[in-house]
Amino acid sequence: MNRIATFTVALAAAVALSACVFAPPVHTSTDSASIQKMSDQALATCGAGNVKEVNAKSFTCK
């Protein structure tokens, strides 16, 4: 009986330590309204012809 209890505890510990970790997927959806808003802000800040890159969250000037 003692061996069965020891085996059960060892098996439970092994299962608990080898459990999978679930992380939700990261969605990088691009919203056209947020890109348009950031583009307008980039033009106002950098000036026409001086915008290097625009994405939904930021922009860079040349």
PDB file of N, CA and C in Angstrom:
ATOM      1  N   MET A   1       0.817  -1.193   0.000  1.00  0.00           N
ATOM      2  CA  MET A   1       0.000   0.000   0.000  1.00  0.00           C
ATOM      3  C   MET A   1       0.863   1.259   0.000  1.00  0.00           C
ATOM      4  N   ASN A   2       1.996   1.205   0.679  1.00  0.00           N
ATOM      5  CA  ASN A   2       2.876   2.355   0.759  1.00  0.00           C
ATOM      6  C   ASN A   2       3.490   2.671  -0.603  1.00  0.00           C
ATOM      7  N   ARG A   3       3.797   1.633  -1.384  1.00  0.00           N
ATOM      8  CA  ARG A   3       4.365   1.842  -2.712  1.00  0.00           C
ATOM      9  C   ARG A   3       3.357   2.497  -3.644  1.00  0.00           C
ATOM     10  N   ILE A   4       2.108   2.138  -3.529  1.00  0.00           N
ATOM     11  CA  ILE A   4       1.068   2.728  -4.384  1.00  0.00           C
ATOM     12  C   ILE A   4       0.907   4.213  -4.070  1.00  0.00           C
ATOM     13  N   ALA A   5       0.925   4.557  -2.796  1.00  0.00           N
ATOM     14  CA  ALA A   5       0.811   5.960  -2.402  1.00  0.00           C
ATOM     15  C   ALA A   5       2.018   6.758  -2.883  1.00  0.00           C
ATOM     16  N   THR A   6       3.211   6.199  -2.752  1.00  0.00           N
ATOM     17  CA  THR A   6       4.415   6.873  -3.220  1.00  0.00           C
ATOM     18  C   THR A   6       4.384   7.052  -4.728  1.00  0.00           C
ATOM     19  N   PHE A   7       3.968   6.007  -5.436  1.00  0.00           N
ATOM     20  CA  PHE A   7       3.864   6.083  -6.892  1.00  0.00           C
ATOM     21  C   PHE A   7       2.841   7.135  -7.312  1.00  0.00           C
ATOM     22  N   THR A   8       1.717   7.205  -6.620  1.00  0.00           N
ATOM     23  CA  THR A   8       0.671   8.179  -6.939  1.00  0.00           C
ATOM     24  C   THR A   8       1.166   9.605  -6.712  1.00  0.00           C
ATOM     25  N   VAL A   9       1.863   9.838  -5.620  1.00  0.00           N
ATOM     26  CA  VAL A   9       2.407  11.169  -5.339  1.00  0.00           C
ATOM     27  C   VAL A   9       3.458  11.544  -6.378  1.00  0.00           C
ATOM     28  N   ALA A  10       4.326  10.603  -6.739  1.00  0.00           N
ATOM     29  CA  ALA A  10       5.354  10.874  -7.744  1.00  0.00           C
ATOM     30  C   ALA A  10       4.722  11.152  -9.106  1.00  0.00           C
ATOM     31  N   LEU A  11       3.714  10.398  -9.457  1.00  0.00           N
ATOM     32  CA  LEU A  11       3.020  10.611 -10.734  1.00  0.00           C
ATOM     33  C   LEU A  11       2.308  11.951 -10.744  1.00  0.00           C
ATOM     34  N   ALA A  12       1.669  12.322  -9.659  1.00  0.00           N
ATOM     35  CA  ALA A  12       0.979  13.613  -9.574  1.00  0.00           C
ATOM     36  C   ALA A  12       1.975  14.766  -9.671  1.00  0.00           C
ATOM     37  N   ALA A  13       3.132  14.615  -9.028  1.00  0.00           N
ATOM     38  CA  ALA A  13       4.157  15.658  -9.104  1.00  0.00           C
ATOM     39  C   ALA A  13       4.700  15.779 -10.526  1.00  0.00           C
ATOM     40  N   ALA A  14       4.901  14.657 -11.194  1.00  0.00           N
ATOM     41  CA  ALA A  14       5.400  14.693 -12.570  1.00  0.00           C
ATOM     42  C   ALA A  14       4.396  15.348 -13.508  1.00  0.00           C
ATOM     43  N   VAL A  15       3.138  15.042 -13.326  1.00  0.00           N
ATOM     44  CA  VAL A  15       2.098  15.650 -14.161  1.00  0.00           C
ATOM     45  C   VAL A  15       2.000  17.144 -13.886  1.00  0.00           C
ATOM     46  N   ALA A  16       2.087  17.532 -12.637  1.00  0.00           N
ATOM     47  CA  ALA A  16       1.983  18.949 -12.284  1.00  0.00           C
ATOM     48  C   ALA A  16       3.171  19.743 -12.807  1.00  0.00           C
ATOM     49  N   LEU A  17       4.363  19.165 -12.779  1.00  0.00           N
ATOM     50  CA  LEU A  17       5.554  19.876 -13.229  1.00  0.00           C
ATOM     51  C   LEU A  17       5.692  19.906 -14.745  1.00  0.00           C
ATOM     52  N   SER A  18       5.004  19.002 -15.438  1.00  0.00           N
ATOM     53  CA  SER A  18       5.122  18.968 -16.892  1.00  0.00           C
ATOM     54  C   SER A  18       3.889  19.546 -17.577  1.00  0.00           C
ATOM     55  N   ALA A  19       3.112  20.305 -16.849  1.00  0.00           N
ATOM     56  CA  ALA A  19       1.891  20.881 -17.415  1.00  0.00           C
ATOM     57  C   ALA A  19       2.248  21.913 -18.479  1.00  0.00           C
ATOM     58  N   CYS A  20       1.437  21.994 -19.492  1.00  0.00           N
ATOM     59  CA  CYS A  20       1.654  22.964 -20.564  1.00  0.00           C
ATOM     60  C   CYS A  20       1.233  24.350 -20.098  1.00  0.00           C
ATOM     61  N   VAL A  21       1.943  25.337 -20.586  1.00  0.00           N
ATOM     62  CA  VAL A  21       1.607  26.719 -20.290  1.00  0.00           C
ATOM     63  C   VAL A  21       0.909  27.281 -21.504  1.00  0.00           C
ATOM     64  N   PHE A  22      -0.269  27.833 -21.323  1.00  0.00           N
ATOM     65  CA  PHE A  22      -1.035  28.381 -22.424  1.00  0.00           C
ATOM     66  C   PHE A  22      -0.901  29.892 -22.426  1.00  0.00           C
ATOM     67  N   ALA A  23      -0.475  30.417 -23.541  1.00  0.00           N
ATOM     68  CA  ALA A  23      -0.403  31.865 -23.718  1.00  0.00           C
ATOM     69  C   ALA A  23      -1.307  32.226 -24.887  1.00  0.00           C
ATOM     70  N   PRO A  24      -2.176  33.199 -24.713  1.00  0.00           N
ATOM     71  CA  PRO A  24      -3.059  33.567 -25.812  1.00  0.00           C
ATOM     72  C   PRO A  24      -2.262  34.143 -26.973  1.00  0.00           C
ATOM     73  N   PRO A  25      -2.713  33.925 -28.190  1.00  0.00           N
ATOM     74  CA  PRO A  25      -1.975  34.444 -29.345  1.00  0.00           C
ATOM     75  C   PRO A  25      -1.993  35.965 -29.379  1.00  0.00           C
ATOM     76  N   VAL A  26      -0.936  36.515 -29.894  1.00  0.00           N
ATOM     77  CA  VAL A  26      -0.815  37.958 -30.017  1.00  0.00           C
ATOM     78  C   VAL A  26      -1.365  38.355 -31.381  1.00  0.00           C
ATOM     79  N   HIS A  27      -2.334  39.223 -31.362  1.00  0.00           N
ATOM     80  CA  HIS A  27      -2.929  39.680 -32.614  1.00  0.00           C
ATOM     81  C   HIS A  27      -2.367  41.045 -32.948  1.00  0.00           C
ATOM     82  N   THR A  28      -1.851  41.169 -34.146  1.00  0.00           N
ATOM     83  CA  THR A  28      -1.341  42.447 -34.607  1.00  0.00           C
ATOM     84  C   THR A  28      -2.194  42.921 -35.769  1.00  0.00           C
ATOM     85  N   SER A  29      -3.424  43.187 -35.469  1.00  0.00           N
ATOM     86  CA  SER A  29      -4.322  43.653 -36.513  1.00  0.00           C
ATOM     87  C   SER A  29      -4.070  45.132 -36.773  1.00  0.00           C
ATOM     88  N   THR A  30      -4.072  45.492 -38.033  1.00  0.00           N
ATOM     89  CA  THR A  30      -3.850  46.883 -38.398  1.00  0.00           C
ATOM     90  C   THR A  30      -5.198  47.511 -38.709  1.00  0.00           C
ATOM     91  N   ASP A  31      -5.514  48.505 -37.967  1.00  0.00           N
ATOM     92  CA  ASP A  31      -6.766  49.222 -38.123  1.00  0.00           C
ATOM     93  C   ASP A  31      -6.503  50.400 -39.049  1.00  0.00           C
ATOM     94  N   SER A  32      -7.232  50.483 -40.151  1.00  0.00           N
ATOM     95  CA  SER A  32      -6.978  51.543 -41.126  1.00  0.00           C
ATOM     96  C   SER A  32      -7.263  52.929 -40.555  1.00  0.00           C
ATOM     97  N   ALA A  33      -8.206  53.025 -39.635  1.00  0.00           N
ATOM     98  CA  ALA A  33      -8.500  54.325 -39.019  1.00  0.00           C
ATOM     99  C   ALA A  33      -7.330  54.801 -38.166  1.00  0.00           C
ATOM    100  N   SER A  34      -6.690  53.890 -37.432  1.00  0.00           N
ATOM    101  CA  SER A  34      -5.553  54.294 -36.601  1.00  0.00           C
ATOM    102  C   SER A  34      -4.335  54.617 -37.462  1.00  0.00           C
ATOM    103  N   ILE A  35      -4.177  53.934 -38.592  1.00  0.00           N
ATOM    104  CA  ILE A  35      -3.076  54.256 -39.497  1.00  0.00           C
ATOM    105  C   ILE A  35      -3.296  55.622 -40.129  1.00  0.00           C
ATOM    106  N   GLN A  36      -4.531  55.918 -40.510  1.00  0.00           N
ATOM    107  CA  GLN A  36      -4.837  57.224 -41.090  1.00  0.00           C
ATOM    108  C   GLN A  36      -4.592  58.341 -40.073  1.00  0.00           C
ATOM    109  N   LYS A  37      -5.003  58.109 -38.837  1.00  0.00           N
ATOM    110  CA  LYS A  37      -4.794  59.100 -37.779  1.00  0.00           C
ATOM    111  C   LYS A  37      -3.300  59.336 -37.546  1.00  0.00           C
ATOM    112  N   MET A  38      -2.520  58.237 -37.524  1.00  0.00           N
ATOM    113  CA  MET A  38      -1.085  58.362 -37.315  1.00  0.00           C
ATOM    114  C   MET A  38      -0.417  59.021 -38.525  1.00  0.00           C
ATOM    115  N   SER A  39      -0.920  58.762 -39.718  1.00  0.00           N
ATOM    116  CA  SER A  39      -0.384  59.408 -40.924  1.00  0.00           C
ATOM    117  C   SER A  39      -0.615  60.910 -40.889  1.00  0.00           C
ATOM    118  N   ASP A  40      -1.799  61.322 -40.471  1.00  0.00           N
ATOM    119  CA  ASP A  40      -2.088  62.752 -40.342  1.00  0.00           C
ATOM    120  C   ASP A  40      -1.176  63.407 -39.311  1.00  0.00           C
ATOM    121  N   GLN A  41      -0.965  62.720 -38.201  1.00  0.00           N
ATOM    122  CA  GLN A  41      -0.079  63.244 -37.162  1.00  0.00           C
ATOM    123  C   GLN A  41       1.362  63.329 -37.671  1.00  0.00           C
ATOM    124  N   ALA A  42       1.790  62.325 -38.444  1.00  0.00           N
ATOM    125  CA  ALA A  42       3.150  62.323 -38.985  1.00  0.00           C
ATOM    126  C   ALA A  42       3.346  63.480 -39.955  1.00  0.00           C
ATOM    127  N   LEU A  43       2.362  63.734 -40.808  1.00  0.00           N
ATOM    128  CA  LEU A  43       2.466  64.853 -41.740  1.00  0.00           C
ATOM    129  C   LEU A  43       2.508  66.187 -41.001  1.00  0.00           C
ATOM    130  N   ALA A  44       1.720  66.309 -39.964  1.00  0.00           N
ATOM    131  CA  ALA A  44       1.704  67.552 -39.194  1.00  0.00           C
ATOM    132  C   ALA A  44       3.021  67.761 -38.442  1.00  0.00           C
ATOM    133  N   THR A  45       3.614  66.673 -37.962  1.00  0.00           N
ATOM    134  CA  THR A  45       4.836  66.776 -37.181  1.00  0.00           C
ATOM    135  C   THR A  45       6.084  66.877 -38.062  1.00  0.00           C
ATOM    136  N   CYS A  46       6.195  65.988 -39.039  1.00  0.00           N
ATOM    137  CA  CYS A  46       7.413  65.910 -39.859  1.00  0.00           C
ATOM    138  C   CYS A  46       7.385  66.857 -41.046  1.00  0.00           C
ATOM    139  N   GLY A  47       6.222  67.123 -41.582  1.00  0.00           N
ATOM    140  CA  GLY A  47       6.101  67.914 -42.792  1.00  0.00           C
ATOM    141  C   GLY A  47       6.003  67.005 -44.011  1.00  0.00           C
ATOM    142  N   ALA A  48       5.426  67.530 -45.075  1.00  0.00           N
ATOM    143  CA  ALA A  48       5.233  66.743 -46.294  1.00  0.00           C
ATOM    144  C   ALA A  48       6.586  66.350 -46.883  1.00  0.00           C
ATOM    145  N   GLY A  49       6.726  65.072 -47.226  1.00  0.00           N
ATOM    146  CA  GLY A  49       7.965  64.570 -47.805  1.00  0.00           C
ATOM    147  C   GLY A  49       9.023  64.177 -46.798  1.00  0.00           C
ATOM    148  N   ASN A  50       8.766  64.367 -45.533  1.00  0.00           N
ATOM    149  CA  ASN A  50       9.759  64.048 -44.499  1.00  0.00           C
ATOM    150  C   ASN A  50       9.349  62.875 -43.611  1.00  0.00           C
ATOM    151  N   VAL A  51       8.299  62.163 -43.981  1.00  0.00           N
ATOM    152  CA  VAL A  51       7.846  61.015 -43.198  1.00  0.00           C
ATOM    153  C   VAL A  51       8.571  59.776 -43.708  1.00  0.00           C
ATOM    154  N   LYS A  52       9.244  59.066 -42.806  1.00  0.00           N
ATOM    155  CA  LYS A  52       9.986  57.867 -43.188  1.00  0.00           C
ATOM    156  C   LYS A  52       9.106  56.626 -43.124  1.00  0.00           C
ATOM    157  N   GLU A  53       8.385  56.437 -42.005  1.00  0.00           N
ATOM    158  CA  GLU A  53       7.587  55.230 -41.814  1.00  0.00           C
ATOM    159  C   GLU A  53       6.412  55.534 -40.899  1.00  0.00           C
ATOM    160  N   VAL A  54       5.279  54.917 -41.225  1.00  0.00           N
ATOM    161  CA  VAL A  54       4.075  55.061 -40.407  1.00  0.00           C
ATOM    162  C   VAL A  54       3.485  53.679 -40.185  1.00  0.00           C
ATOM    163  N   ASN A  55       3.129  53.373 -38.938  1.00  0.00           N
ATOM    164  CA  ASN A  55       2.344  52.174 -38.654  1.00  0.00           C
ATOM    165  C   ASN A  55       1.199  52.570 -37.737  1.00  0.00           C
ATOM    166  N   ALA A  56       0.462  51.612 -37.249  1.00  0.00           N
ATOM    167  CA  ALA A  56      -0.747  51.900 -36.475  1.00  0.00           C
ATOM    168  C   ALA A  56      -0.456  52.545 -35.123  1.00  0.00           C
ATOM    169  N   LYS A  57       0.776  52.402 -34.615  1.00  0.00           N
ATOM    170  CA  LYS A  57       1.084  52.901 -33.265  1.00  0.00           C
ATOM    171  C   LYS A  57       2.121  54.008 -33.239  1.00  0.00           C
ATOM    172  N   SER A  58       2.886  54.208 -34.320  1.00  0.00           N
ATOM    173  CA  SER A  58       3.931  55.223 -34.287  1.00  0.00           C
ATOM    174  C   SER A  58       4.313  55.635 -35.694  1.00  0.00           C
ATOM    175  N   PHE A  59       5.181  56.639 -35.762  1.00  0.00           N
ATOM    176  CA  PHE A  59       5.740  57.079 -37.027  1.00  0.00           C
ATOM    177  C   PHE A  59       7.162  57.561 -36.806  1.00  0.00           C
ATOM    178  N   THR A  60       7.936  57.635 -37.889  1.00  0.00           N
ATOM    179  CA  THR A  60       9.281  58.172 -37.805  1.00  0.00           C
ATOM    180  C   THR A  60       9.474  59.170 -38.936  1.00  0.00           C
ATOM    181  N   CYS A  61      10.239  60.184 -38.644  1.00  0.00           N
ATOM    182  CA  CYS A  61      10.582  61.203 -39.642  1.00  0.00           C
ATOM    183  C   CYS A  61      11.931  60.880 -40.254  1.00  0.00           C
ATOM    184  N   LYS A  62      12.179  61.447 -41.430  1.00  0.00           N
ATOM    185  CA  LYS A  62      13.477  61.269 -42.086  1.00  0.00           C
ATOM    186  C   LYS A  62      14.542  62.048 -41.369  1.00  0.00           C
TER     187      LYS A  62
END
